[in-house]
Amino acid sequence: MKLAFLRWNSLHRLTQPAASDLLALVLAFRTVIGPLFLTIFLLHLDPVYAQKQDERNDRPLMGWSSWSQESHLGESWLTEAQILTQSDALRSSGLQQHGWRYINIDSGWQNGYDSYGRPTPDLTKFPNGLAAVVEHIHRNGQKAGIYWTPGVPKEIEASNPPILRTPYNVQDILLVPLTNGNGFRSSYKIDFSKPGAQEYVDSVVGLFASWGFDFIKLDGTTPGSSLPSFTPPGGGAPPPDPDPENLQIDNRADVKAWHDAIEKTNRPILLALSWSLDHGYASWWEKYSNSRRIEFDVECYQCQSTISSWSNVALRFTDLVVWQNDAGPKLGWNDLDSLEVGTGTTGSVPSGLTDDERQSMMTFWSIANAPLYIGDDLTKIDEFGFSLLTNDEVIRINQSGYPGKQVAGGNTPVWAAKAANGSYYVALFNLNDSASAATVNWNDLGFSEPAFVADIWRKKPLGNFAVGFTAVLNPHASALLRVRPHERDQDE
């Protein structure tokens, strides 16, 4: 803005023109200088504005998240050194050249609160603070993400700290009687009709923005975020089984408050909601967030030696159907959770998925235009995992802005998306435990003429097919096709 003022002032101080030249000067400003000044202002003097237009909901994010490693190795795994290592590996491995650029710090970074009731980092884990970590991530040409939950943390209710730049304290903004404030039951619910409530959220988001974060994951958001009954790793009692709808909490007002707080930062910060959001409120999630998780965690908490399992992945194939019309640049993105495709069934921290299952996971996330965030240790990606994560045509499908829809169901479902050039991307899946045939019919895609088919994963033309295409797939395997009606594939 300072540079804009100087440029305007220099124009204003031009030698006064003669009266006969005044009209020409005005016309020149309106037709040439004015539009040029506006373009410079938007694209150069206020880069944040331009970034907002490009990054808010334009395409699903691609990057990495710490939670899968934490879920398997414990939250003690999360340290400053680990985050810097993952950031450096994202860059040095070549993944970043294919569009992967977010480094998201999940739960476990925080310990304590400042004098205004805002979370502070655990300095035993992050001795240089989070701003320094974010600076390193940014120097690598990446974006940084952070994790938090709705409500006022229960730990600070009794101490009743003041809210930054207001005459209020946190007890002044709580719903009375005190009510749980998120799906974890870790906070008290905020009453957003009370003065100071929005300002408290503003202060937390403002703190995250001051550290430089570009992404916020708001976890335990309800309606949704129901905890399933499962036995935690190592045994012990299962977590409580709350009301599946969590309507008594209802974080819709929190989500709007976080959205509004982000807007006030004038920075293009993405807001992602988690977990298992209730589809009955899809319009609210679409309006006030960039993405929403549609299921419980993909990580396998019963598994002792692997991060995930096929059964956890397979849940998404049925869950996404109800959400399939709720994704796109103007609606935000359906989050299917972390991608566990970088490692297989062997190694120090295996994903627990076979190669066929890993390919199916990458295929489904991509045809759905789901956010892509890798859960594997980036320093241990194997050759097959790297090939999945760097197939540029598959990435283009994910980033196309045309999320796929289911055109055939059952245990051999077919998902398809029409591309901007008139061709179709078609994903065939076999969810059975034995080899099975999966078929796509051209009339299900909306045309009846013959079409040329190419296999995207194998980078191989398959030929012309009159009415459809059938593939016999291994258990839990998939095929990803490019289908062009009328003509042969121009890329063969």
Protein backbone atom coordinates (compact mmCIF):
# COMPACT_ATOMS: atom_id res chain seq x y z
CA MET A 1 0.00 0.00 0.00
CA LYS A 2 2.89 2.37 0.73
CA LEU A 3 4.26 1.84 -2.78
CA ALA A 4 0.79 2.39 -4.25
CA PHE A 5 0.55 5.72 -2.42
CA LEU A 6 3.96 6.83 -3.67
CA ARG A 7 3.03 6.02 -7.26
CA TRP A 8 -0.26 7.86 -6.95
CA ASN A 9 1.41 10.83 -5.31
CA SER A 10 3.99 11.04 -8.08
CA LEU A 11 1.17 11.22 -10.62
CA HIS A 12 -0.57 13.88 -8.56
CA ARG A 13 2.58 16.02 -8.46
CA LEU A 14 3.00 16.09 -12.25
CA THR A 15 3.47 19.54 -13.69
CA GLN A 16 0.00 21.00 -14.06
CA PRO A 17 -1.14 20.61 -17.68
CA ALA A 18 -2.51 23.37 -19.77
CA ALA A 19 -6.29 23.58 -19.90
CA SER A 20 -6.31 22.27 -23.46
CA ASP A 21 -4.41 19.15 -22.37
CA LEU A 22 -6.54 18.34 -19.34
CA LEU A 23 -9.19 16.35 -21.18
CA ALA A 24 -6.55 14.25 -22.95
CA LEU A 25 -4.84 13.56 -19.63
CA VAL A 26 -8.11 12.41 -18.06
CA LEU A 27 -8.91 10.18 -21.02
CA ALA A 28 -5.43 8.69 -20.94
CA PHE A 29 -5.77 7.88 -17.26
CA ARG A 30 -9.17 6.25 -17.76
CA THR A 31 -8.15 4.18 -20.79
CA VAL A 32 -4.48 3.37 -20.17
CA ILE A 33 -2.96 4.50 -16.88
CA GLY A 34 -5.98 3.69 -14.73
CA PRO A 35 -6.35 0.03 -15.79
CA LEU A 36 -2.57 -0.41 -15.70
CA PHE A 37 -2.45 1.06 -12.18
CA LEU A 38 -5.27 -1.24 -11.06
CA THR A 39 -3.52 -4.29 -12.52
CA ILE A 40 -0.26 -3.38 -10.80
CA PHE A 41 -2.13 -2.75 -7.57
CA LEU A 42 -3.85 -6.14 -7.58
CA LEU A 43 -1.00 -8.28 -8.85
CA HIS A 44 2.03 -6.60 -7.29
CA LEU A 45 1.16 -4.11 -4.59
CA ASP A 46 -1.21 -6.44 -2.82
CA PRO A 47 0.01 -9.98 -3.58
CA VAL A 48 -2.20 -11.37 -0.82
CA TYR A 49 -5.27 -10.35 -2.80
CA ALA A 50 -4.02 -12.18 -5.89
CA GLN A 51 -3.14 -15.24 -3.82
CA LYS A 52 -6.61 -15.36 -2.35
CA GLN A 53 -8.12 -15.58 -5.81
CA ASP A 54 -5.71 -18.37 -6.80
CA GLU A 55 -5.54 -20.45 -3.66
CA ARG A 56 -8.68 -20.30 -1.55
CA ASN A 57 -10.94 -22.92 -3.11
CA ASP A 58 -9.45 -23.16 -6.56
CA ARG A 59 -7.90 -26.63 -6.20
CA PRO A 60 -7.49 -29.20 -3.41
CA LEU A 61 -4.23 -28.90 -1.52
CA MET A 62 -1.30 -31.28 -1.95
CA GLY A 63 1.26 -31.89 0.75
CA TRP A 64 2.11 -33.88 3.86
CA SER A 65 0.67 -34.23 7.37
CA SER A 66 2.32 -35.40 10.58
CA TRP A 67 -0.62 -37.29 12.10
CA SER A 68 -0.13 -40.69 10.47
CA GLN A 69 3.37 -40.91 11.88
CA GLU A 70 2.18 -39.69 15.28
CA SER A 71 -0.68 -42.18 15.31
CA HIS A 72 1.79 -45.03 14.90
CA LEU A 73 4.82 -43.77 16.82
CA GLY A 74 3.14 -41.48 19.37
CA GLU A 75 2.89 -37.70 19.64
CA SER A 76 6.46 -37.64 20.94
CA TRP A 77 7.49 -38.22 17.31
CA LEU A 78 6.40 -34.67 16.51
CA THR A 79 9.38 -32.35 16.97
CA GLU A 80 10.94 -29.38 15.29
CA ALA A 81 13.69 -31.59 13.91
CA GLN A 82 11.17 -34.01 12.37
CA ILE A 83 9.19 -31.22 10.70
CA LEU A 84 12.32 -29.64 9.25
CA THR A 85 13.42 -33.07 8.01
CA GLN A 86 10.08 -33.69 6.30
CA SER A 87 10.10 -30.22 4.73
CA ASP A 88 13.61 -30.75 3.38
CA ALA A 89 12.69 -34.21 2.11
CA LEU A 90 9.62 -32.88 0.29
CA ARG A 91 11.89 -30.53 -1.60
CA SER A 92 14.93 -32.74 -2.16
CA SER A 93 12.98 -35.87 -3.15
CA GLY A 94 11.45 -34.20 -6.19
CA LEU A 95 7.89 -34.47 -4.88
CA GLN A 96 7.59 -30.70 -4.58
CA GLN A 97 8.23 -30.35 -8.31
CA HIS A 98 5.01 -32.29 -8.90
CA GLY A 99 2.86 -29.95 -6.81
CA TRP A 100 3.28 -31.26 -3.26
CA ARG A 101 3.95 -28.23 -1.05
CA TYR A 102 2.04 -28.21 2.25
CA ILE A 103 3.73 -29.30 5.50
CA ASN A 104 0.96 -29.65 8.08
CA ILE A 105 1.70 -29.93 11.80
CA ASP A 106 -1.06 -31.91 13.50
CA SER A 107 -1.91 -32.47 17.16
CA GLY A 108 0.90 -32.54 19.71
CA TRP A 109 2.67 -29.22 19.06
CA GLN A 110 1.14 -27.32 21.99
CA ASN A 111 1.95 -27.03 25.69
CA GLY A 112 0.43 -24.24 27.78
CA TYR A 113 -1.26 -20.93 27.06
CA ASP A 114 -0.23 -17.32 26.97
CA SER A 115 -1.69 -14.57 29.17
CA TYR A 116 -4.63 -14.21 26.75
CA GLY A 117 -5.62 -17.89 26.77
CA ARG A 118 -4.04 -18.67 23.41
CA PRO A 119 -2.09 -21.90 22.82
CA THR A 120 1.69 -21.81 22.97
CA PRO A 121 4.13 -24.34 21.49
CA ASP A 122 5.88 -27.02 23.48
CA LEU A 123 9.40 -25.59 23.59
CA THR A 124 10.89 -28.95 24.47
CA LYS A 125 9.70 -30.14 21.06
CA PHE A 126 10.02 -26.83 19.20
CA PRO A 127 12.90 -25.02 20.95
CA ASN A 128 13.00 -22.23 18.38
CA GLY A 129 9.25 -21.71 18.34
CA LEU A 130 6.80 -22.29 15.52
CA ALA A 131 7.50 -19.06 13.67
CA ALA A 132 11.06 -20.26 13.01
CA VAL A 133 9.75 -23.62 11.78
CA VAL A 134 7.31 -21.90 9.43
CA GLU A 135 10.09 -19.65 8.15
CA HIS A 136 12.13 -22.74 7.25
CA ILE A 137 9.13 -24.27 5.47
CA HIS A 138 8.56 -21.06 3.54
CA ARG A 139 12.22 -20.84 2.56
CA ASN A 140 11.77 -24.26 1.00
CA GLY A 141 9.00 -22.82 -1.16
CA GLN A 142 6.26 -24.57 0.80
CA LYS A 143 3.16 -23.75 2.85
CA ALA A 144 2.71 -24.51 6.55
CA GLY A 145 -0.32 -25.89 8.38
CA ILE A 146 -1.33 -26.04 12.06
CA TYR A 147 -3.93 -27.88 14.13
CA TRP A 148 -6.47 -26.73 16.72
CA THR A 149 -10.01 -27.46 17.99
CA PRO A 150 -13.19 -25.40 18.56
CA GLY A 151 -14.12 -23.90 21.89
CA VAL A 152 -12.26 -22.57 24.95
CA PRO A 153 -9.86 -25.19 26.34
CA LYS A 154 -11.08 -26.53 29.67
CA GLU A 155 -7.61 -26.01 31.20
CA ILE A 156 -7.96 -22.21 31.11
CA GLU A 157 -11.57 -21.79 32.26
CA ALA A 158 -10.70 -21.56 35.96
CA SER A 159 -7.83 -19.08 35.48
CA ASN A 160 -10.17 -16.92 33.35
CA PRO A 161 -7.56 -15.02 31.28
CA PRO A 162 -8.48 -11.77 29.54
CA ILE A 163 -9.30 -11.74 25.83
CA LEU A 164 -6.83 -9.76 23.78
CA ARG A 165 -7.83 -6.13 23.10
CA THR A 166 -11.20 -6.44 24.87
CA PRO A 167 -12.56 -5.75 28.37
CA TYR A 168 -13.75 -9.37 28.57
CA ASN A 169 -12.42 -12.62 29.99
CA VAL A 170 -12.93 -16.14 28.70
CA GLN A 171 -15.62 -16.94 31.29
CA ASP A 172 -17.67 -14.06 29.84
CA ILE A 173 -18.01 -15.84 26.48
CA LEU A 174 -18.89 -19.36 27.62
CA LEU A 175 -22.31 -20.93 27.22
CA VAL A 176 -24.03 -21.29 30.60
CA PRO A 177 -24.31 -23.86 32.00
CA LEU A 178 -20.89 -25.02 30.87
CA THR A 179 -21.22 -27.34 27.86
CA ASN A 180 -18.71 -29.46 25.97
CA GLY A 181 -17.34 -27.52 23.03
CA ASN A 182 -16.12 -30.10 20.50
CA GLY A 183 -16.24 -33.76 19.59
CA PHE A 184 -13.28 -34.55 21.86
CA ARG A 185 -15.02 -32.97 24.89
CA SER A 186 -11.76 -31.08 25.46
CA SER A 187 -13.19 -27.56 25.53
CA TYR A 188 -16.17 -25.54 26.70
CA LYS A 189 -18.67 -24.24 24.17
CA ILE A 190 -18.50 -20.58 23.20
CA ASP A 191 -21.72 -18.54 23.10
CA PHE A 192 -21.18 -16.38 20.04
CA SER A 193 -24.04 -14.07 20.95
CA LYS A 194 -21.83 -12.70 23.75
CA PRO A 195 -19.40 -9.80 23.26
CA GLY A 196 -15.82 -10.92 23.17
CA ALA A 197 -16.59 -14.34 21.66
CA GLN A 198 -15.57 -13.53 18.09
CA GLU A 199 -12.63 -11.56 19.41
CA TYR A 200 -11.28 -14.60 21.25
CA VAL A 201 -11.27 -16.64 18.03
CA ASP A 202 -9.78 -13.65 16.21
CA SER A 203 -6.94 -13.60 18.73
CA VAL A 204 -6.12 -17.30 18.23
CA VAL A 205 -6.25 -17.09 14.44
CA GLY A 206 -4.27 -13.86 14.58
CA LEU A 207 -1.57 -15.64 16.57
CA PHE A 208 -1.38 -18.47 14.02
CA ALA A 209 -1.23 -15.89 11.22
CA SER A 210 1.57 -14.00 13.00
CA TRP A 211 3.60 -17.22 13.02
CA GLY A 212 3.05 -17.40 9.25
CA PHE A 213 0.69 -20.37 8.92
CA ASP A 214 -1.18 -20.90 5.65
CA PHE A 215 -3.55 -23.68 6.70
CA ILE A 216 -5.60 -24.49 9.81
CA LYS A 217 -7.12 -27.87 10.59
CA LEU A 218 -10.08 -27.48 12.95
CA ASP A 219 -10.57 -30.91 14.48
CA GLY A 220 -13.43 -32.36 16.51
CA THR A 221 -15.94 -30.25 14.58
CA THR A 222 -19.60 -31.14 15.05
CA PRO A 223 -22.23 -32.09 13.93
CA GLY A 224 -20.00 -35.02 13.13
CA SER A 225 -16.78 -36.09 14.88
CA SER A 226 -18.36 -39.09 16.57
CA LEU A 227 -15.90 -41.40 18.25
CA PRO A 228 -16.35 -45.02 17.20
CA SER A 229 -15.96 -47.78 19.74
CA PHE A 230 -12.54 -49.34 19.32
CA THR A 231 -9.82 -50.72 21.54
CA PRO A 232 -6.90 -48.28 21.71
CA PRO A 233 -3.43 -49.54 20.78
CA GLY A 234 -2.00 -51.40 23.77
CA GLY A 235 -5.43 -52.22 25.17
CA GLY A 236 -7.49 -50.26 27.68
CA ALA A 237 -11.04 -49.01 27.72
CA PRO A 238 -12.58 -47.68 24.50
CA PRO A 239 -13.40 -43.97 24.27
CA PRO A 240 -16.90 -42.77 25.14
CA ASP A 241 -19.55 -43.18 22.48
CA PRO A 242 -21.26 -39.77 22.22
CA ASP A 243 -24.47 -38.87 20.44
CA PRO A 244 -23.65 -39.63 16.78
CA GLU A 245 -24.95 -36.25 15.68
CA ASN A 246 -23.37 -34.24 18.50
CA LEU A 247 -26.21 -31.79 18.07
CA GLN A 248 -25.88 -30.64 21.66
CA ILE A 249 -22.46 -29.21 20.75
CA ASP A 250 -23.02 -27.99 17.17
CA ASN A 251 -19.87 -26.13 16.08
CA ARG A 252 -21.42 -24.36 13.12
CA ALA A 253 -21.07 -20.98 14.83
CA ASP A 254 -17.43 -21.81 15.63
CA VAL A 255 -16.72 -22.65 12.00
CA LYS A 256 -18.17 -19.32 10.87
CA ALA A 257 -16.16 -17.52 13.56
CA TRP A 258 -12.92 -19.15 12.41
CA HIS A 259 -13.76 -18.33 8.81
CA ASP A 260 -14.45 -14.70 9.71
CA ALA A 261 -11.28 -14.49 11.78
CA ILE A 262 -9.23 -15.78 8.85
CA GLU A 263 -10.76 -13.13 6.60
CA LYS A 264 -9.59 -10.44 9.01
CA THR A 265 -5.98 -11.57 8.71
CA ASN A 266 -5.98 -10.64 5.01
CA ARG A 267 -3.92 -13.77 4.37
CA PRO A 268 -4.96 -16.74 2.17
CA ILE A 269 -5.24 -19.26 5.03
CA LEU A 270 -7.11 -22.48 4.21
CA LEU A 271 -9.59 -23.85 6.76
CA ALA A 272 -10.08 -27.62 6.86
CA LEU A 273 -12.74 -29.25 9.07
CA SER A 274 -12.39 -32.67 10.69
CA TRP A 275 -13.72 -35.28 11.17
CA SER A 276 -16.66 -37.27 9.75
CA LEU A 277 -18.70 -34.13 9.16
CA ASP A 278 -22.46 -34.50 9.02
CA HIS A 279 -23.67 -34.22 5.42
CA GLY A 280 -26.93 -32.70 6.62
CA TYR A 281 -25.02 -29.46 7.12
CA ALA A 282 -23.00 -29.60 3.90
CA SER A 283 -24.09 -26.14 2.78
CA TRP A 284 -22.63 -24.64 5.97
CA TRP A 285 -19.31 -26.45 5.58
CA GLU A 286 -19.17 -25.39 1.93
CA LYS A 287 -19.80 -21.75 2.78
CA TYR A 288 -17.30 -21.38 5.60
CA SER A 289 -14.47 -23.83 4.94
CA ASN A 290 -12.20 -25.09 2.18
CA SER A 291 -12.56 -28.81 2.90
CA ARG A 292 -14.27 -31.23 5.29
CA ARG A 293 -13.40 -34.75 6.34
CA ILE A 294 -16.21 -37.16 5.52
CA GLU A 295 -15.08 -40.16 7.61
CA PHE A 296 -13.18 -41.19 10.73
CA ASP A 297 -9.38 -41.44 10.57
CA VAL A 298 -7.89 -43.65 7.88
CA GLU A 299 -5.20 -44.73 10.36
CA CYS A 300 -5.70 -48.14 11.95
CA TYR A 301 -5.60 -47.74 15.74
CA GLN A 302 -6.09 -51.46 16.32
CA CYS A 303 -3.09 -52.30 14.14
CA GLN A 304 0.14 -52.75 16.03
CA SER A 305 2.62 -52.70 13.16
CA THR A 306 1.04 -50.76 10.28
CA ILE A 307 -0.32 -47.26 9.83
CA SER A 308 -3.54 -48.18 8.05
CA SER A 309 -5.56 -51.10 6.68
CA TRP A 310 -7.58 -51.80 3.55
CA SER A 311 -10.83 -51.94 5.55
CA ASN A 312 -10.30 -48.34 6.66
CA VAL A 313 -9.58 -47.24 3.11
CA ALA A 314 -12.57 -49.11 1.66
CA LEU A 315 -15.03 -47.22 3.88
CA ARG A 316 -14.50 -44.13 1.73
CA PHE A 317 -15.95 -45.76 -1.40
CA THR A 318 -19.43 -45.82 0.11
CA ASP A 319 -19.08 -42.67 2.23
CA LEU A 320 -18.24 -40.44 -0.71
CA VAL A 321 -21.38 -41.24 -2.66
CA VAL A 322 -23.61 -38.96 -0.57
CA TRP A 323 -21.02 -36.17 -0.85
CA GLN A 324 -20.24 -36.53 -4.56
CA ASN A 325 -22.20 -33.44 -5.62
CA ASP A 326 -20.64 -31.29 -2.90
CA ALA A 327 -17.16 -30.65 -4.25
CA GLY A 328 -15.65 -28.14 -6.62
CA PRO A 329 -13.93 -24.75 -6.75
CA LYS A 330 -17.02 -22.98 -5.38
CA LEU A 331 -17.97 -25.67 -2.85
CA GLY A 332 -14.66 -26.82 -1.40
CA TRP A 333 -13.35 -30.36 -1.29
CA ASN A 334 -14.32 -33.68 0.24
CA ASP A 335 -11.42 -34.77 2.44
CA LEU A 336 -10.84 -38.55 2.50
CA ASP A 337 -7.94 -38.24 5.00
CA SER A 338 -4.21 -38.97 4.64
CA LEU A 339 -2.72 -40.84 1.70
CA GLU A 340 -0.88 -43.93 2.93
CA VAL A 341 0.67 -44.91 -0.40
CA GLY A 342 4.34 -44.07 0.05
CA THR A 343 5.29 -47.37 1.68
CA GLY A 344 3.79 -50.85 1.42
CA THR A 345 3.62 -53.85 3.73
CA THR A 346 7.34 -53.83 4.59
CA GLY A 347 9.78 -51.30 5.99
CA SER A 348 10.18 -49.64 9.38
CA VAL A 349 6.75 -47.93 9.30
CA PRO A 350 4.68 -49.77 6.66
CA SER A 351 1.35 -48.48 5.44
CA GLY A 352 -0.21 -51.92 5.67
CA LEU A 353 -1.47 -51.80 2.09
CA THR A 354 -0.50 -53.96 -0.88
CA ASP A 355 0.71 -52.30 -4.08
CA ASP A 356 -2.73 -52.83 -5.67
CA GLU A 357 -4.39 -51.23 -2.65
CA ARG A 358 -1.97 -48.33 -2.68
CA GLN A 359 -2.74 -47.67 -6.34
CA SER A 360 -6.48 -47.89 -5.66
CA MET A 361 -6.15 -45.38 -2.84
CA MET A 362 -4.28 -42.90 -5.02
CA THR A 363 -6.75 -43.47 -7.85
CA PHE A 364 -9.82 -42.89 -5.70
CA TRP A 365 -8.45 -39.79 -3.96
CA SER A 366 -7.51 -38.38 -7.36
CA ILE A 367 -10.77 -39.03 -9.23
CA ALA A 368 -12.61 -37.50 -6.22
CA ASN A 369 -10.48 -34.33 -6.32
CA ALA A 370 -9.81 -34.95 -2.62
CA PRO A 371 -7.06 -33.06 -0.80
CA LEU A 372 -3.83 -35.05 -1.11
CA TYR A 373 -1.67 -35.09 2.00
CA ILE A 374 0.88 -37.84 2.40
CA GLY A 375 0.98 -39.64 5.74
CA ASP A 376 4.21 -41.54 5.21
CA ASP A 377 7.67 -40.53 6.40
CA LEU A 378 8.96 -38.64 3.35
CA THR A 379 12.47 -39.90 3.92
CA LYS A 380 11.32 -43.50 3.43
CA ILE A 381 9.12 -43.38 0.31
CA ASP A 382 9.79 -46.48 -1.77
CA GLU A 383 10.12 -46.63 -5.55
CA PHE A 384 6.54 -47.74 -6.18
CA GLY A 385 5.17 -45.14 -3.80
CA PHE A 386 7.19 -42.43 -5.52
CA SER A 387 5.82 -43.51 -8.90
CA LEU A 388 2.27 -43.17 -7.57
CA LEU A 389 2.91 -39.75 -6.08
CA THR A 390 4.63 -38.32 -9.17
CA ASN A 391 2.36 -39.46 -12.01
CA ASP A 392 1.57 -36.05 -13.43
CA GLU A 393 -1.55 -37.08 -15.32
CA VAL A 394 -3.04 -38.58 -12.17
CA ILE A 395 -2.19 -35.37 -10.33
CA ARG A 396 -3.84 -33.35 -13.12
CA ILE A 397 -7.02 -35.38 -12.61
CA ASN A 398 -6.96 -34.56 -8.91
CA GLN A 399 -6.31 -30.88 -9.63
CA SER A 400 -8.77 -30.60 -12.52
CA GLY A 401 -11.62 -29.02 -10.58
CA TYR A 402 -13.96 -31.66 -12.04
CA PRO A 403 -14.51 -34.21 -9.25
CA GLY A 404 -15.74 -37.60 -10.36
CA LYS A 405 -19.17 -39.12 -9.77
CA GLN A 406 -20.14 -42.74 -9.28
CA VAL A 407 -21.68 -44.21 -12.44
CA ALA A 408 -21.85 -47.82 -11.21
CA GLY A 409 -22.00 -49.13 -7.66
CA GLY A 410 -21.64 -52.41 -5.81
CA ASN A 411 -18.32 -54.10 -5.11
CA THR A 412 -16.95 -53.16 -8.53
CA PRO A 413 -17.77 -49.45 -8.53
CA VAL A 414 -16.97 -47.11 -11.38
CA TRP A 415 -16.27 -43.40 -10.94
CA ALA A 416 -15.96 -40.97 -13.84
CA ALA A 417 -15.22 -37.32 -14.46
CA LYS A 418 -15.62 -35.39 -17.70
CA ALA A 419 -12.55 -33.35 -18.57
CA ALA A 420 -12.62 -29.86 -20.02
CA ASN A 421 -11.45 -31.15 -23.42
CA GLY A 422 -14.44 -33.49 -23.81
CA SER A 423 -12.67 -36.69 -22.82
CA TYR A 424 -13.47 -38.69 -19.69
CA TYR A 425 -11.42 -40.02 -16.82
CA VAL A 426 -12.79 -43.33 -15.59
CA ALA A 427 -11.72 -45.25 -12.49
CA LEU A 428 -12.66 -48.94 -12.11
CA PHE A 429 -12.34 -50.64 -8.72
CA ASN A 430 -12.60 -54.14 -7.32
CA LEU A 431 -13.51 -54.11 -3.62
CA ASN A 432 -13.87 -57.89 -3.53
CA ASP A 433 -11.36 -60.23 -1.93
CA SER A 434 -11.03 -62.18 -5.19
CA ALA A 435 -10.36 -61.20 -8.80
CA SER A 436 -13.42 -59.64 -10.42
CA ALA A 437 -14.45 -57.87 -13.61
CA ALA A 438 -15.38 -54.18 -13.51
CA THR A 439 -17.20 -52.61 -16.46
CA VAL A 440 -17.95 -49.11 -17.65
CA ASN A 441 -20.58 -48.63 -20.36
CA TRP A 442 -20.32 -45.60 -22.60
CA ASN A 443 -24.01 -44.83 -22.20
CA ASP A 444 -23.37 -44.42 -18.45
CA LEU A 445 -20.99 -41.62 -19.40
CA GLY A 446 -23.54 -39.95 -21.62
CA PHE A 447 -22.49 -41.02 -25.11
CA SER A 448 -23.05 -44.04 -27.37
CA GLU A 449 -20.40 -43.86 -30.09
CA PRO A 450 -17.14 -45.84 -29.97
CA ALA A 451 -14.30 -44.43 -27.90
CA PHE A 452 -10.55 -44.74 -27.65
CA VAL A 453 -9.19 -45.92 -24.29
CA ALA A 454 -5.76 -45.46 -22.69
CA ASP A 455 -4.48 -46.86 -19.39
CA ILE A 456 -3.13 -43.93 -17.37
CA TRP A 457 -1.15 -45.85 -14.78
CA ARG A 458 0.54 -48.08 -17.34
CA LYS A 459 0.82 -45.18 -19.83
CA LYS A 460 -0.42 -47.49 -22.53
CA PRO A 461 -3.02 -47.10 -25.33
CA LEU A 462 -5.61 -49.91 -25.23
CA GLY A 463 -7.50 -49.25 -28.47
CA ASN A 464 -11.02 -48.48 -29.65
CA PHE A 465 -14.04 -49.98 -27.90
CA ALA A 466 -17.58 -49.91 -29.26
CA VAL A 467 -19.91 -49.76 -26.25
CA GLY A 468 -17.77 -49.92 -23.11
CA PHE A 469 -14.73 -51.37 -21.44
CA THR A 470 -14.18 -54.25 -18.98
CA ALA A 471 -11.11 -54.95 -16.88
CA VAL A 472 -10.48 -58.02 -14.74
CA LEU A 473 -8.92 -56.68 -11.57
CA ASN A 474 -7.04 -58.32 -8.75
CA PRO A 475 -8.51 -58.12 -5.23
CA HIS A 476 -8.71 -54.45 -4.14
CA ALA A 477 -7.11 -53.35 -7.42
CA SER A 478 -8.09 -50.58 -9.82
CA ALA A 479 -7.69 -49.21 -13.32
CA LEU A 480 -7.59 -45.57 -14.33
CA LEU A 481 -8.56 -44.81 -17.92
CA ARG A 482 -8.65 -41.91 -20.32
CA VAL A 483 -11.65 -42.29 -22.63
CA ARG A 484 -12.10 -40.18 -25.76
CA PRO A 485 -15.26 -40.55 -27.84
CA HIS A 486 -15.07 -40.32 -31.65
CA GLU A 487 -11.33 -40.24 -32.16
CA ARG A 488 -8.05 -41.95 -31.39
CA ASP A 489 -6.05 -40.72 -28.43
CA GLN A 490 -3.87 -37.89 -29.69
CA ASP A 491 -1.17 -38.69 -27.11
CA GLU A 492 -0.55 -42.33 -28.11
